[in-house]
C-alpha atoms as a PDB file:
ATOM      1  CA  MET A   1      -8.591  13.962 -14.739  1.00  0.00           C
ATOM      2  CA  GLN A   2      -7.410  10.448 -15.591  1.00  0.00           C
ATOM      3  CA  ARG A   3      -3.775  11.546 -15.777  1.00  0.00           C
ATOM      4  CA  GLY A   4      -4.024  13.097 -12.314  1.00  0.00           C
ATOM      5  CA  SER A   5      -5.702   9.990 -10.928  1.00  0.00           C
ATOM      6  CA  ALA A   6      -2.977   7.794 -12.400  1.00  0.00           C
ATOM      7  CA  SER A   7      -0.313   9.970 -10.767  1.00  0.00           C
ATOM      8  CA  VAL A   8      -1.974   9.651  -7.372  1.00  0.00           C
ATOM      9  CA  LEU A   9      -2.284   5.882  -7.754  1.00  0.00           C
ATOM     10  CA  CYS A  10       1.320   5.515  -8.955  1.00  0.00           C
ATOM     11  CA  ALA A  11       2.511   7.242  -5.795  1.00  0.00           C
ATOM     12  CA  GLY A  12       1.088   4.368  -3.760  1.00  0.00           C
ATOM     13  CA  TRP A  13       3.351   1.773  -5.387  1.00  0.00           C
ATOM     14  CA  SER A  14       7.100   1.403  -5.162  1.00  0.00           C
ATOM     15  CA  GLY A  15       9.758  -0.843  -6.611  1.00  0.00           C
ATOM     16  CA  GLY A  16       8.660  -0.754 -10.216  1.00  0.00           C
ATOM     17  CA  ASP A  17       9.514   0.925 -13.486  1.00  0.00           C
ATOM     18  CA  ASP A  18       7.671   4.251 -13.177  1.00  0.00           C
ATOM     19  CA  ARG A  19       6.949   4.484 -16.905  1.00  0.00           C
ATOM     20  CA  MET A  20       5.563   0.939 -17.085  1.00  0.00           C
ATOM     21  CA  LEU A  21       3.600   1.420 -13.872  1.00  0.00           C
ATOM     22  CA  ALA A  22       2.033   4.646 -15.143  1.00  0.00           C
ATOM     23  CA  ALA A  23       1.086   2.928 -18.407  1.00  0.00           C
ATOM     24  CA  VAL A  24      -0.574  -0.012 -16.671  1.00  0.00           C
ATOM     25  CA  ILE A  25      -2.443   2.169 -14.188  1.00  0.00           C
ATOM     26  CA  GLY A  26      -3.565   4.417 -17.038  1.00  0.00           C
ATOM     27  CA  HIS A  27      -4.780   1.315 -18.876  1.00  0.00           C
ATOM     28  CA  ALA A  28      -6.692   0.174 -15.788  1.00  0.00           C
ATOM     29  CA  LEU A  29      -8.411   3.571 -15.545  1.00  0.00           C
ATOM     30  CA  ASP A  30      -9.322   3.698 -19.228  1.00  0.00           C
ATOM     31  CA  PHE A  31     -13.053   3.254 -19.809  1.00  0.00           C
ATOM     32  CA  SER A  32     -12.453   1.010 -22.808  1.00  0.00           C
ATOM     33  CA  THR A  33     -10.533  -1.415 -20.578  1.00  0.00           C
ATOM     34  CA  TRP A  34     -13.485  -1.701 -18.218  1.00  0.00           C
ATOM     35  CA  GLN A  35     -15.880  -1.945 -21.121  1.00  0.00           C
ATOM     36  CA  SER A  36     -13.882  -4.834 -22.553  1.00  0.00           C
ATOM     37  CA  LEU A  37     -13.581  -6.690 -19.256  1.00  0.00           C
ATOM     38  CA  ALA A  38     -17.186  -6.186 -18.144  1.00  0.00           C
ATOM     39  CA  GLU A  39     -19.265  -6.043 -21.278  1.00  0.00           C
ATOM     40  CA  ARG A  40     -17.282  -8.189 -23.684  1.00  0.00           C
ATOM     41  CA  ARG A  41     -15.613 -10.598 -21.249  1.00  0.00           C
ATOM     42  CA  GLY A  42     -18.387 -10.827 -18.666  1.00  0.00           C
ATOM     43  CA  LEU A  43     -16.429  -9.892 -15.528  1.00  0.00           C
ATOM     44  CA  THR A  44     -18.153  -8.177 -12.635  1.00  0.00           C
ATOM     45  CA  ASP A  45     -16.805  -4.810 -11.483  1.00  0.00           C
ATOM     46  CA  ALA A  46     -15.132  -6.558  -8.541  1.00  0.00           C
ATOM     47  CA  GLU A  47     -13.481  -9.111 -10.840  1.00  0.00           C
ATOM     48  CA  ALA A  48     -12.301  -6.411 -13.237  1.00  0.00           C
ATOM     49  CA  THR A  49     -10.881  -4.447 -10.305  1.00  0.00           C
ATOM     50  CA  GLU A  50      -9.064  -7.530  -9.039  1.00  0.00           C
ATOM     51  CA  ALA A  51      -7.681  -8.272 -12.510  1.00  0.00           C
ATOM     52  CA  MET A  52      -6.262  -4.766 -12.830  1.00  0.00           C
ATOM     53  CA  ALA A  53      -4.805  -4.868  -9.307  1.00  0.00           C
ATOM     54  CA  VAL A  54      -3.091  -8.170 -10.151  1.00  0.00           C
ATOM     55  CA  LEU A  55      -1.769  -6.640 -13.371  1.00  0.00           C
ATOM     56  CA  VAL A  56      -0.311  -3.658 -11.522  1.00  0.00           C
ATOM     57  CA  GLN A  57       1.199  -5.896  -8.832  1.00  0.00           C
ATOM     58  CA  GLY A  58       2.729  -8.065 -11.558  1.00  0.00           C
ATOM     59  CA  VAL A  59       4.367  -5.049 -13.160  1.00  0.00           C
ATOM     60  CA  VAL A  60       5.730  -3.897  -9.814  1.00  0.00           C
ATOM     61  CA  SER A  61       6.986  -7.383  -8.902  1.00  0.00           C
ATOM     62  CA  GLY A  62       8.285  -8.091 -12.379  1.00  0.00           C
ATOM     63  CA  SER A  63      10.107  -4.785 -12.605  1.00  0.00           C
ATOM     64  CA  ALA A  64      11.680  -5.369  -9.207  1.00  0.00           C
ATOM     65  CA  ALA A  65      12.789  -8.851 -10.307  1.00  0.00           C
ATOM     66  CA  ALA A  66      14.170  -7.480 -13.578  1.00  0.00           C
ATOM     67  CA  GLY A  67      16.137  -4.923 -11.602  1.00  0.00           C
ATOM     68  CA  ARG A  68      17.782  -7.789  -9.708  1.00  0.00           C
ATOM     69  CA  GLY A  69      18.775  -9.503 -12.944  1.00  0.00           C
ATOM     70  CA  SER A  70      15.922 -12.043 -13.009  1.00  0.00           C
ATOM     71  CA  THR A  71      13.812 -12.634 -16.066  1.00  0.00           C
ATOM     72  CA  ALA A  72      10.126 -13.406 -16.256  1.00  0.00           C
ATOM     73  CA  GLY A  73       9.268 -16.417 -18.208  1.00  0.00           C
END
């Protein structure tokens, strides 16, 4: 189920490295990620969701920048 969900979510993003994007979205959907953010780090569900959305956006933006010859730093 998670793999299918990740595929659906990946389809909604463009401009990034598909392999990296799939990895990050898979990480965001992984229960242990949420467990770490919520239980061990004290984030609310909304904060954890925002953190993962920012992570995905960063991968998309960073991959697009890397494709133009820019480097993150």
